Amino acid sequence: MHLTTVRHLAAAAVLTATAALPTALATTTAAAAPTAAINPSPRASVSPSTVAPGGRVSLNIEGCGTRTGRASSDAFGDVRLTSGNLESSNLFGSAQVLRNTTPGRHRVTFECGGAGGTQVTVFLQVTPGAARGGLGGSVDRTDLSDIAIGGALVATALATGIWALRRRAAHRP
């Protein structure tokens, strides 16, 4: 193939893509409009969905169509939700799960706008306690005997190092 043939093929591809773009956008816009009309209900979420008493959760509801709302649960009480900006229909908030919350599944009710607004319910799982981290959760306490053994190992390592250095220095001419 000659260079001019390659240029002509590239130009034809660009022209075809440019001509098809408005048609593709119109099809996408037309397809998206009925979907919004069919499914107007808001979607709510609590993150993380599993938390220990005293932990914090983020609350989010999308598609409210209002700038304010609220979320309520026996796990954390009432929380006011607000929009991140004036044009967004997504509402956000955060809450701290009460320390005396009983473990189990707790209902979280989101409400768009004021009283009588659209309500959406999701669930929050409260665990009996915080997840054990570090060393795979295999260590549950440190006592005096653990500290004594660690100290003895460090002292032995230091003594061996000093002995080796003095021995090496003594054998030098």
N, C-alpha and C. Protein backbone atom coordinates (compact mmCIF):
# COMPACT_ATOMS: atom_id res chain seq x y z
N MET A 1 0.84 -1.18 0.00
CA MET A 1 0.00 0.00 0.00
C MET A 1 0.88 1.24 0.00
N HIS A 2 0.43 2.20 -0.74
CA HIS A 2 1.16 3.46 -0.79
C HIS A 2 0.71 4.35 0.36
N LEU A 3 1.53 5.31 0.67
CA LEU A 3 1.24 6.25 1.75
C LEU A 3 -0.04 7.04 1.49
N THR A 4 -0.29 7.40 0.25
CA THR A 4 -1.51 8.16 -0.07
C THR A 4 -2.75 7.30 0.13
N THR A 5 -2.67 6.01 -0.15
CA THR A 5 -3.80 5.12 0.07
C THR A 5 -4.12 5.03 1.56
N VAL A 6 -3.08 4.93 2.38
CA VAL A 6 -3.27 4.87 3.83
C VAL A 6 -3.92 6.16 4.33
N ARG A 7 -3.48 7.29 3.80
CA ARG A 7 -4.06 8.58 4.19
C ARG A 7 -5.54 8.65 3.82
N HIS A 8 -5.88 8.17 2.61
CA HIS A 8 -7.28 8.19 2.17
C HIS A 8 -8.15 7.28 3.05
N LEU A 9 -7.62 6.11 3.43
CA LEU A 9 -8.38 5.21 4.30
C LEU A 9 -8.58 5.82 5.69
N ALA A 10 -7.55 6.46 6.21
CA ALA A 10 -7.66 7.10 7.53
C ALA A 10 -8.68 8.24 7.49
N ALA A 11 -8.64 9.03 6.43
CA ALA A 11 -9.60 10.14 6.30
C ALA A 11 -11.02 9.60 6.19
N ALA A 12 -11.22 8.51 5.46
CA ALA A 12 -12.55 7.92 5.33
C ALA A 12 -13.05 7.41 6.68
N ALA A 13 -12.16 6.81 7.47
CA ALA A 13 -12.55 6.31 8.79
C ALA A 13 -12.97 7.46 9.70
N VAL A 14 -12.22 8.57 9.67
CA VAL A 14 -12.55 9.72 10.50
C VAL A 14 -13.89 10.31 10.09
N LEU A 15 -14.13 10.44 8.78
CA LEU A 15 -15.39 10.99 8.29
C LEU A 15 -16.57 10.09 8.68
N THR A 16 -16.40 8.79 8.59
CA THR A 16 -17.47 7.86 8.95
C THR A 16 -17.79 7.97 10.45
N ALA A 17 -16.74 8.02 11.27
CA ALA A 17 -16.94 8.13 12.71
C ALA A 17 -17.61 9.45 13.07
N THR A 18 -17.20 10.53 12.41
CA THR A 18 -17.79 11.85 12.67
C THR A 18 -19.25 11.88 12.27
N ALA A 19 -19.59 11.26 11.17
CA ALA A 19 -20.98 11.24 10.71
C ALA A 19 -21.85 10.38 11.62
N ALA A 20 -21.29 9.32 12.18
CA ALA A 20 -22.07 8.41 13.02
C ALA A 20 -22.25 8.93 14.44
N LEU A 21 -21.41 9.86 14.89
CA LEU A 21 -21.45 10.34 16.26
C LEU A 21 -22.79 10.99 16.64
N PRO A 22 -23.34 11.93 15.86
CA PRO A 22 -24.63 12.52 16.25
C PRO A 22 -25.75 11.48 16.34
N THR A 23 -25.74 10.51 15.45
CA THR A 23 -26.77 9.46 15.48
C THR A 23 -26.63 8.63 16.76
N ALA A 24 -25.41 8.28 17.13
CA ALA A 24 -25.18 7.49 18.34
C ALA A 24 -25.61 8.27 19.58
N LEU A 25 -25.28 9.56 19.63
CA LEU A 25 -25.67 10.37 20.78
C LEU A 25 -27.18 10.51 20.88
N ALA A 26 -27.84 10.71 19.77
CA ALA A 26 -29.30 10.84 19.77
C ALA A 26 -29.96 9.55 20.25
N THR A 27 -29.43 8.41 19.82
CA THR A 27 -29.97 7.12 20.23
C THR A 27 -29.77 6.92 21.73
N THR A 28 -28.59 7.27 22.24
CA THR A 28 -28.30 7.13 23.66
C THR A 28 -29.20 8.03 24.49
N THR A 29 -29.38 9.27 24.08
CA THR A 29 -30.23 10.20 24.82
C THR A 29 -31.68 9.74 24.80
N ALA A 30 -32.15 9.28 23.67
CA ALA A 30 -33.53 8.82 23.57
C ALA A 30 -33.75 7.58 24.43
N ALA A 31 -32.75 6.71 24.50
CA ALA A 31 -32.90 5.49 25.29
C ALA A 31 -32.82 5.80 26.78
N ALA A 32 -32.06 6.81 27.18
CA ALA A 32 -31.90 7.10 28.60
C ALA A 32 -33.12 7.79 29.18
N ALA A 33 -33.81 8.58 28.42
CA ALA A 33 -34.96 9.32 28.94
C ALA A 33 -36.08 8.42 29.45
N PRO A 34 -36.52 7.40 28.71
CA PRO A 34 -37.59 6.54 29.23
C PRO A 34 -37.17 5.77 30.48
N THR A 35 -35.90 5.40 30.59
CA THR A 35 -35.43 4.65 31.75
C THR A 35 -35.63 5.46 33.02
N ALA A 36 -35.30 6.76 32.96
CA ALA A 36 -35.47 7.61 34.14
C ALA A 36 -36.94 7.73 34.51
N ALA A 37 -37.81 7.78 33.54
CA ALA A 37 -39.24 7.91 33.83
C ALA A 37 -39.81 6.61 34.40
N ILE A 38 -39.26 5.48 33.98
CA ILE A 38 -39.77 4.19 34.45
C ILE A 38 -39.32 3.91 35.89
N ASN A 39 -38.07 4.29 36.24
CA ASN A 39 -37.52 3.98 37.54
C ASN A 39 -37.16 5.25 38.31
N PRO A 40 -38.16 5.96 38.86
CA PRO A 40 -37.87 7.20 39.54
C PRO A 40 -37.48 7.03 41.01
N SER A 41 -37.52 5.82 41.55
CA SER A 41 -37.27 5.64 42.98
C SER A 41 -35.80 5.83 43.32
N PRO A 42 -35.53 6.50 44.43
CA PRO A 42 -34.15 6.73 44.86
C PRO A 42 -33.47 5.44 45.31
N ARG A 43 -32.14 5.46 45.28
CA ARG A 43 -31.33 4.32 45.75
C ARG A 43 -30.51 4.78 46.95
N ALA A 44 -30.57 4.02 48.03
CA ALA A 44 -29.87 4.38 49.27
C ALA A 44 -28.80 3.35 49.59
N SER A 45 -27.76 3.82 50.30
CA SER A 45 -26.71 2.89 50.73
C SER A 45 -26.10 3.36 52.04
N VAL A 46 -25.61 2.38 52.81
CA VAL A 46 -24.86 2.62 54.04
C VAL A 46 -23.51 1.95 53.85
N SER A 47 -22.44 2.71 54.11
CA SER A 47 -21.10 2.16 53.90
C SER A 47 -20.23 2.44 55.11
N PRO A 48 -19.60 1.44 55.68
CA PRO A 48 -19.70 0.03 55.37
C PRO A 48 -21.04 -0.52 55.84
N SER A 49 -21.44 -1.62 55.25
CA SER A 49 -22.73 -2.21 55.61
C SER A 49 -22.65 -3.03 56.89
N THR A 50 -21.43 -3.34 57.33
CA THR A 50 -21.21 -4.04 58.59
C THR A 50 -20.26 -3.21 59.44
N VAL A 51 -20.64 -2.94 60.69
CA VAL A 51 -19.85 -2.05 61.54
C VAL A 51 -19.99 -2.48 63.00
N ALA A 52 -18.98 -2.15 63.80
CA ALA A 52 -19.02 -2.44 65.23
C ALA A 52 -19.63 -1.25 65.97
N PRO A 53 -20.17 -1.46 67.16
CA PRO A 53 -20.67 -0.32 67.94
C PRO A 53 -19.56 0.72 68.13
N GLY A 54 -19.91 1.98 67.96
CA GLY A 54 -18.93 3.07 68.05
C GLY A 54 -18.30 3.43 66.72
N GLY A 55 -18.52 2.62 65.68
CA GLY A 55 -17.94 2.88 64.36
C GLY A 55 -18.74 3.92 63.59
N ARG A 56 -18.13 4.48 62.53
CA ARG A 56 -18.77 5.50 61.70
C ARG A 56 -19.25 4.88 60.40
N VAL A 57 -20.38 5.37 59.90
CA VAL A 57 -20.92 4.94 58.62
C VAL A 57 -21.22 6.17 57.77
N SER A 58 -21.09 5.99 56.45
CA SER A 58 -21.47 7.02 55.49
C SER A 58 -22.85 6.67 54.96
N LEU A 59 -23.69 7.68 54.85
CA LEU A 59 -25.06 7.49 54.38
C LEU A 59 -25.22 8.23 53.06
N ASN A 60 -25.82 7.58 52.06
CA ASN A 60 -25.94 8.17 50.74
C ASN A 60 -27.27 7.75 50.13
N ILE A 61 -27.95 8.72 49.53
CA ILE A 61 -29.17 8.41 48.78
C ILE A 61 -29.09 9.19 47.47
N GLU A 62 -29.30 8.48 46.36
CA GLU A 62 -29.22 9.06 45.03
C GLU A 62 -30.61 9.16 44.42
N GLY A 63 -30.86 10.26 43.72
CA GLY A 63 -32.11 10.40 42.98
C GLY A 63 -33.28 10.91 43.79
N CYS A 64 -33.02 11.65 44.85
CA CYS A 64 -34.10 12.18 45.68
C CYS A 64 -34.86 13.30 44.98
N GLY A 65 -34.15 14.15 44.25
CA GLY A 65 -34.80 15.30 43.63
C GLY A 65 -34.99 16.45 44.60
N THR A 66 -34.43 16.34 45.81
CA THR A 66 -34.48 17.42 46.80
C THR A 66 -33.07 17.71 47.28
N ARG A 67 -32.90 18.82 47.97
CA ARG A 67 -31.56 19.19 48.46
C ARG A 67 -31.30 18.72 49.88
N THR A 68 -32.34 18.28 50.57
CA THR A 68 -32.16 17.80 51.94
C THR A 68 -32.96 16.52 52.14
N GLY A 69 -32.59 15.82 53.18
CA GLY A 69 -33.28 14.60 53.55
C GLY A 69 -32.80 14.17 54.92
N ARG A 70 -33.19 12.98 55.31
CA ARG A 70 -32.72 12.47 56.59
C ARG A 70 -32.65 10.96 56.55
N ALA A 71 -31.83 10.43 57.43
CA ALA A 71 -31.72 8.99 57.62
C ALA A 71 -31.91 8.74 59.11
N SER A 72 -32.63 7.69 59.45
CA SER A 72 -32.84 7.39 60.86
C SER A 72 -32.75 5.89 61.10
N SER A 73 -32.24 5.57 62.30
CA SER A 73 -32.09 4.18 62.69
C SER A 73 -31.95 4.13 64.21
N ASP A 74 -32.35 3.01 64.80
CA ASP A 74 -32.12 2.86 66.23
C ASP A 74 -30.63 2.67 66.53
N ALA A 75 -29.83 2.41 65.50
CA ALA A 75 -28.39 2.23 65.68
C ALA A 75 -27.65 3.56 65.86
N PHE A 76 -28.21 4.66 65.29
CA PHE A 76 -27.51 5.96 65.40
C PHE A 76 -28.43 7.16 65.56
N GLY A 77 -29.72 7.01 65.54
CA GLY A 77 -30.63 8.15 65.69
C GLY A 77 -30.96 8.79 64.36
N ASP A 78 -31.28 10.10 64.37
CA ASP A 78 -31.62 10.85 63.16
C ASP A 78 -30.40 11.62 62.66
N VAL A 79 -30.20 11.59 61.34
CA VAL A 79 -29.08 12.30 60.72
C VAL A 79 -29.62 13.11 59.55
N ARG A 80 -29.23 14.37 59.47
CA ARG A 80 -29.64 15.24 58.36
C ARG A 80 -28.72 14.96 57.18
N LEU A 81 -29.31 14.81 56.00
CA LEU A 81 -28.55 14.58 54.77
C LEU A 81 -28.64 15.83 53.91
N THR A 82 -27.52 16.20 53.30
CA THR A 82 -27.49 17.38 52.43
C THR A 82 -26.81 17.05 51.12
N SER A 83 -27.08 17.89 50.14
CA SER A 83 -26.50 17.72 48.82
C SER A 83 -25.10 18.31 48.80
N GLY A 84 -24.22 17.70 48.00
CA GLY A 84 -22.86 18.22 47.85
C GLY A 84 -22.83 19.54 47.11
N ASN A 85 -23.78 19.77 46.20
CA ASN A 85 -23.87 21.05 45.48
C ASN A 85 -25.33 21.30 45.11
N LEU A 86 -25.60 22.48 44.59
CA LEU A 86 -26.99 22.88 44.33
C LEU A 86 -27.66 22.09 43.22
N GLU A 87 -26.88 21.54 42.29
CA GLU A 87 -27.47 20.85 41.14
C GLU A 87 -27.59 19.34 41.34
N SER A 88 -27.05 18.81 42.41
CA SER A 88 -27.03 17.37 42.61
C SER A 88 -28.28 16.90 43.35
N SER A 89 -28.76 15.72 42.98
CA SER A 89 -29.88 15.12 43.71
C SER A 89 -29.38 14.00 44.62
N ASN A 90 -28.06 13.93 44.82
CA ASN A 90 -27.47 12.95 45.73
C ASN A 90 -27.30 13.60 47.10
N LEU A 91 -27.75 12.92 48.13
CA LEU A 91 -27.66 13.44 49.49
C LEU A 91 -26.69 12.59 50.29
N PHE A 92 -25.90 13.26 51.14
CA PHE A 92 -24.86 12.59 51.90
C PHE A 92 -24.95 12.95 53.38
N GLY A 93 -24.43 12.08 54.20
CA GLY A 93 -24.31 12.34 55.63
C GLY A 93 -23.46 11.25 56.25
N SER A 94 -23.14 11.41 57.53
CA SER A 94 -22.41 10.36 58.23
C SER A 94 -22.95 10.28 59.66
N ALA A 95 -22.75 9.13 60.26
CA ALA A 95 -23.26 8.90 61.61
C ALA A 95 -22.32 7.98 62.35
N GLN A 96 -22.33 8.11 63.67
CA GLN A 96 -21.58 7.20 64.51
C GLN A 96 -22.57 6.26 65.18
N VAL A 97 -22.31 4.97 65.01
CA VAL A 97 -23.17 3.95 65.62
C VAL A 97 -22.99 4.04 67.14
N LEU A 98 -24.09 4.06 67.86
CA LEU A 98 -24.04 4.18 69.31
C LEU A 98 -23.28 3.01 69.92
N ARG A 99 -22.50 3.29 70.96
CA ARG A 99 -21.68 2.24 71.58
C ARG A 99 -22.51 1.15 72.25
N ASN A 100 -23.73 1.47 72.64
CA ASN A 100 -24.58 0.47 73.30
C ASN A 100 -25.54 -0.21 72.33
N THR A 101 -25.30 -0.08 71.03
CA THR A 101 -26.16 -0.72 70.03
C THR A 101 -26.00 -2.24 70.11
N THR A 102 -27.12 -2.93 70.13
CA THR A 102 -27.06 -4.40 70.19
C THR A 102 -26.64 -4.96 68.84
N PRO A 103 -25.83 -6.01 68.85
CA PRO A 103 -25.43 -6.64 67.59
C PRO A 103 -26.65 -7.18 66.85
N GLY A 104 -26.59 -7.16 65.54
CA GLY A 104 -27.68 -7.67 64.72
C GLY A 104 -27.98 -6.74 63.56
N ARG A 105 -29.10 -7.00 62.92
CA ARG A 105 -29.52 -6.25 61.73
C ARG A 105 -30.41 -5.08 62.15
N HIS A 106 -30.06 -3.87 61.71
CA HIS A 106 -30.80 -2.67 62.07
C HIS A 106 -31.32 -1.98 60.81
N ARG A 107 -32.57 -1.58 60.85
CA ARG A 107 -33.22 -0.88 59.74
C ARG A 107 -32.72 0.56 59.69
N VAL A 108 -32.38 1.04 58.48
CA VAL A 108 -32.02 2.44 58.25
C VAL A 108 -33.03 2.98 57.24
N THR A 109 -33.81 3.99 57.65
CA THR A 109 -34.83 4.57 56.78
C THR A 109 -34.35 5.93 56.28
N PHE A 110 -34.27 6.06 54.96
CA PHE A 110 -33.91 7.31 54.31
C PHE A 110 -35.20 8.00 53.88
N GLU A 111 -35.25 9.32 54.04
CA GLU A 111 -36.43 10.08 53.63
C GLU A 111 -35.98 11.31 52.84
N CYS A 112 -36.53 11.45 51.63
CA CYS A 112 -36.22 12.60 50.78
C CYS A 112 -37.06 13.79 51.21
N GLY A 113 -36.44 14.97 51.28
CA GLY A 113 -37.19 16.18 51.64
C GLY A 113 -37.68 16.12 53.07
N GLY A 114 -38.85 16.71 53.30
CA GLY A 114 -39.42 16.76 54.64
C GLY A 114 -40.30 15.56 54.93
N ALA A 115 -41.13 15.70 55.95
CA ALA A 115 -42.04 14.62 56.33
C ALA A 115 -42.98 14.30 55.18
N GLY A 116 -43.21 13.04 54.96
CA GLY A 116 -44.08 12.62 53.87
C GLY A 116 -43.37 12.44 52.55
N GLY A 117 -42.05 12.67 52.53
CA GLY A 117 -41.27 12.47 51.30
C GLY A 117 -41.06 11.00 51.02
N THR A 118 -40.47 10.72 49.88
CA THR A 118 -40.18 9.34 49.48
C THR A 118 -39.27 8.68 50.50
N GLN A 119 -39.58 7.44 50.88
CA GLN A 119 -38.78 6.71 51.85
C GLN A 119 -38.17 5.47 51.21
N VAL A 120 -36.93 5.20 51.60
CA VAL A 120 -36.21 4.01 51.15
C VAL A 120 -35.60 3.37 52.39
N THR A 121 -35.68 2.06 52.50
CA THR A 121 -35.13 1.36 53.66
C THR A 121 -34.03 0.40 53.24
N VAL A 122 -32.92 0.45 53.97
CA VAL A 122 -31.82 -0.51 53.81
C VAL A 122 -31.47 -1.03 55.21
N PHE A 123 -30.55 -1.98 55.28
CA PHE A 123 -30.20 -2.55 56.58
C PHE A 123 -28.72 -2.41 56.86
N LEU A 124 -28.41 -2.25 58.14
CA LEU A 124 -27.05 -2.13 58.64
C LEU A 124 -26.81 -3.29 59.59
N GLN A 125 -25.70 -4.00 59.39
CA GLN A 125 -25.36 -5.12 60.26
C GLN A 125 -24.37 -4.63 61.31
N VAL A 126 -24.73 -4.73 62.59
CA VAL A 126 -23.84 -4.35 63.68
C VAL A 126 -23.24 -5.63 64.25
N THR A 127 -21.90 -5.69 64.27
CA THR A 127 -21.19 -6.87 64.77
C THR A 127 -20.98 -6.75 66.28
N PRO A 128 -20.68 -7.85 66.96
CA PRO A 128 -20.49 -7.80 68.41
C PRO A 128 -19.32 -6.93 68.86
N GLY A 129 -18.30 -6.78 68.05
CA GLY A 129 -17.14 -5.98 68.43
C GLY A 129 -16.30 -5.67 67.22
N ALA A 130 -15.26 -4.91 67.44
CA ALA A 130 -14.39 -4.53 66.34
C ALA A 130 -13.65 -5.75 65.79
N ALA A 131 -13.32 -5.69 64.52
CA ALA A 131 -12.56 -6.77 63.90
C ALA A 131 -11.16 -6.78 64.50
N ARG A 132 -10.65 -7.97 64.75
CA ARG A 132 -9.30 -8.08 65.30
C ARG A 132 -8.31 -8.00 64.16
N GLY A 133 -7.40 -7.09 64.27
CA GLY A 133 -6.43 -6.89 63.19
C GLY A 133 -5.02 -7.16 63.67
N GLY A 134 -4.10 -7.09 62.75
CA GLY A 134 -2.70 -7.31 63.08
C GLY A 134 -2.42 -8.75 63.41
N LEU A 135 -1.45 -9.33 62.82
CA LEU A 135 -1.05 -10.72 63.06
C LEU A 135 -2.23 -11.68 62.89
N GLY A 136 -3.18 -11.30 62.05
CA GLY A 136 -4.30 -12.17 61.77
C GLY A 136 -5.25 -12.36 62.93
N GLY A 137 -5.17 -11.49 63.92
CA GLY A 137 -6.06 -11.59 65.07
C GLY A 137 -5.64 -12.68 66.04
N SER A 138 -4.41 -13.20 65.90
CA SER A 138 -3.98 -14.31 66.74
C SER A 138 -3.45 -13.86 68.09
N VAL A 139 -3.14 -12.60 68.26
CA VAL A 139 -2.60 -12.11 69.53
C VAL A 139 -3.71 -11.39 70.26
N ASP A 140 -3.98 -11.82 71.50
CA ASP A 140 -5.04 -11.11 72.20
C ASP A 140 -4.54 -10.32 73.40
N ARG A 141 -3.32 -10.57 73.89
CA ARG A 141 -2.80 -9.75 74.98
C ARG A 141 -1.29 -9.96 75.09
N THR A 142 -0.65 -9.03 75.75
CA THR A 142 0.77 -9.14 76.03
C THR A 142 0.92 -9.14 77.54
N ASP A 143 1.62 -10.15 78.07
CA ASP A 143 1.81 -10.16 79.52
C ASP A 143 3.30 -10.05 79.86
N LEU A 144 3.61 -10.04 81.13
CA LEU A 144 4.98 -9.82 81.60
C LEU A 144 5.94 -10.90 81.12
N SER A 145 5.49 -12.14 81.02
CA SER A 145 6.38 -13.21 80.57
C SER A 145 6.79 -13.01 79.11
N ASP A 146 5.88 -12.52 78.26
CA ASP A 146 6.23 -12.23 76.87
C ASP A 146 7.30 -11.14 76.79
N ILE A 147 7.15 -10.11 77.61
CA ILE A 147 8.13 -9.02 77.63
C ILE A 147 9.48 -9.53 78.13
N ALA A 148 9.49 -10.37 79.16
CA ALA A 148 10.74 -10.91 79.71
C ALA A 148 11.46 -11.78 78.69
N ILE A 149 10.74 -12.61 77.97
CA ILE A 149 11.36 -13.47 76.95
C ILE A 149 11.95 -12.61 75.83
N GLY A 150 11.22 -11.60 75.38
CA GLY A 150 11.73 -10.71 74.34
C GLY A 150 12.97 -9.97 74.79
N GLY A 151 12.96 -9.49 76.03
CA GLY A 151 14.13 -8.78 76.58
C GLY A 151 15.34 -9.70 76.67
N ALA A 152 15.13 -10.96 77.08
CA ALA A 152 16.23 -11.92 77.19
C ALA A 152 16.83 -12.21 75.81
N LEU A 153 16.00 -12.32 74.79
CA LEU A 153 16.50 -12.56 73.44
C LEU A 153 17.32 -11.38 72.93
N VAL A 154 16.87 -10.17 73.19
CA VAL A 154 17.62 -8.98 72.77
C VAL A 154 18.95 -8.91 73.51
N ALA A 155 18.95 -9.16 74.82
CA ALA A 155 20.19 -9.12 75.61
C ALA A 155 21.18 -10.18 75.13
N THR A 156 20.70 -11.38 74.81
CA THR A 156 21.56 -12.44 74.30
C THR A 156 22.17 -12.04 72.96
N ALA A 157 21.38 -11.45 72.09
CA ALA A 157 21.90 -11.01 70.79
C ALA A 157 22.97 -9.94 70.96
N LEU A 158 22.75 -8.99 71.85
CA LEU A 158 23.75 -7.94 72.10
C LEU A 158 25.04 -8.53 72.68
N ALA A 159 24.92 -9.41 73.64
CA ALA A 159 26.10 -10.03 74.26
C ALA A 159 26.89 -10.84 73.24
N THR A 160 26.21 -11.57 72.38
CA THR A 160 26.89 -12.35 71.34
C THR A 160 27.60 -11.42 70.36
N GLY A 161 26.99 -10.32 69.99
CA GLY A 161 27.62 -9.36 69.08
C GLY A 161 28.86 -8.74 69.69
N ILE A 162 28.79 -8.34 70.95
CA ILE A 162 29.96 -7.75 71.62
C ILE A 162 31.08 -8.78 71.76
N TRP A 163 30.76 -9.99 72.14
CA TRP A 163 31.76 -11.06 72.27
C TRP A 163 32.46 -11.30 70.94
N ALA A 164 31.69 -11.36 69.83
CA ALA A 164 32.28 -11.60 68.51
C ALA A 164 33.20 -10.45 68.10
N LEU A 165 32.83 -9.23 68.37
CA LEU A 165 33.67 -8.08 68.02
C LEU A 165 34.96 -8.06 68.83
N ARG A 166 34.91 -8.35 70.12
CA ARG A 166 36.11 -8.35 70.98
C ARG A 166 37.04 -9.50 70.60
N ARG A 167 36.47 -10.62 70.26
CA ARG A 167 37.29 -11.77 69.87
C ARG A 167 38.02 -11.47 68.57
N ARG A 168 37.31 -10.84 67.64
CA ARG A 168 37.91 -10.49 66.35
C ARG A 168 39.03 -9.47 66.55
N ALA A 169 38.81 -8.48 67.42
CA ALA A 169 39.83 -7.45 67.66
C ALA A 169 41.05 -8.04 68.37
N ALA A 170 40.88 -9.04 69.22
CA ALA A 170 41.99 -9.65 69.95
C ALA A 170 42.89 -10.46 69.03
N HIS A 171 42.39 -11.01 67.96
CA HIS A 171 43.17 -11.84 67.05
C HIS A 171 43.84 -11.05 65.95
N ARG A 172 43.69 -9.75 65.91
CA ARG A 172 44.34 -8.94 64.87
C ARG A 172 45.78 -8.63 65.26
N PRO A 173 46.70 -8.69 64.28
CA PRO A 173 48.11 -8.38 64.59
C PRO A 173 48.39 -6.90 64.71
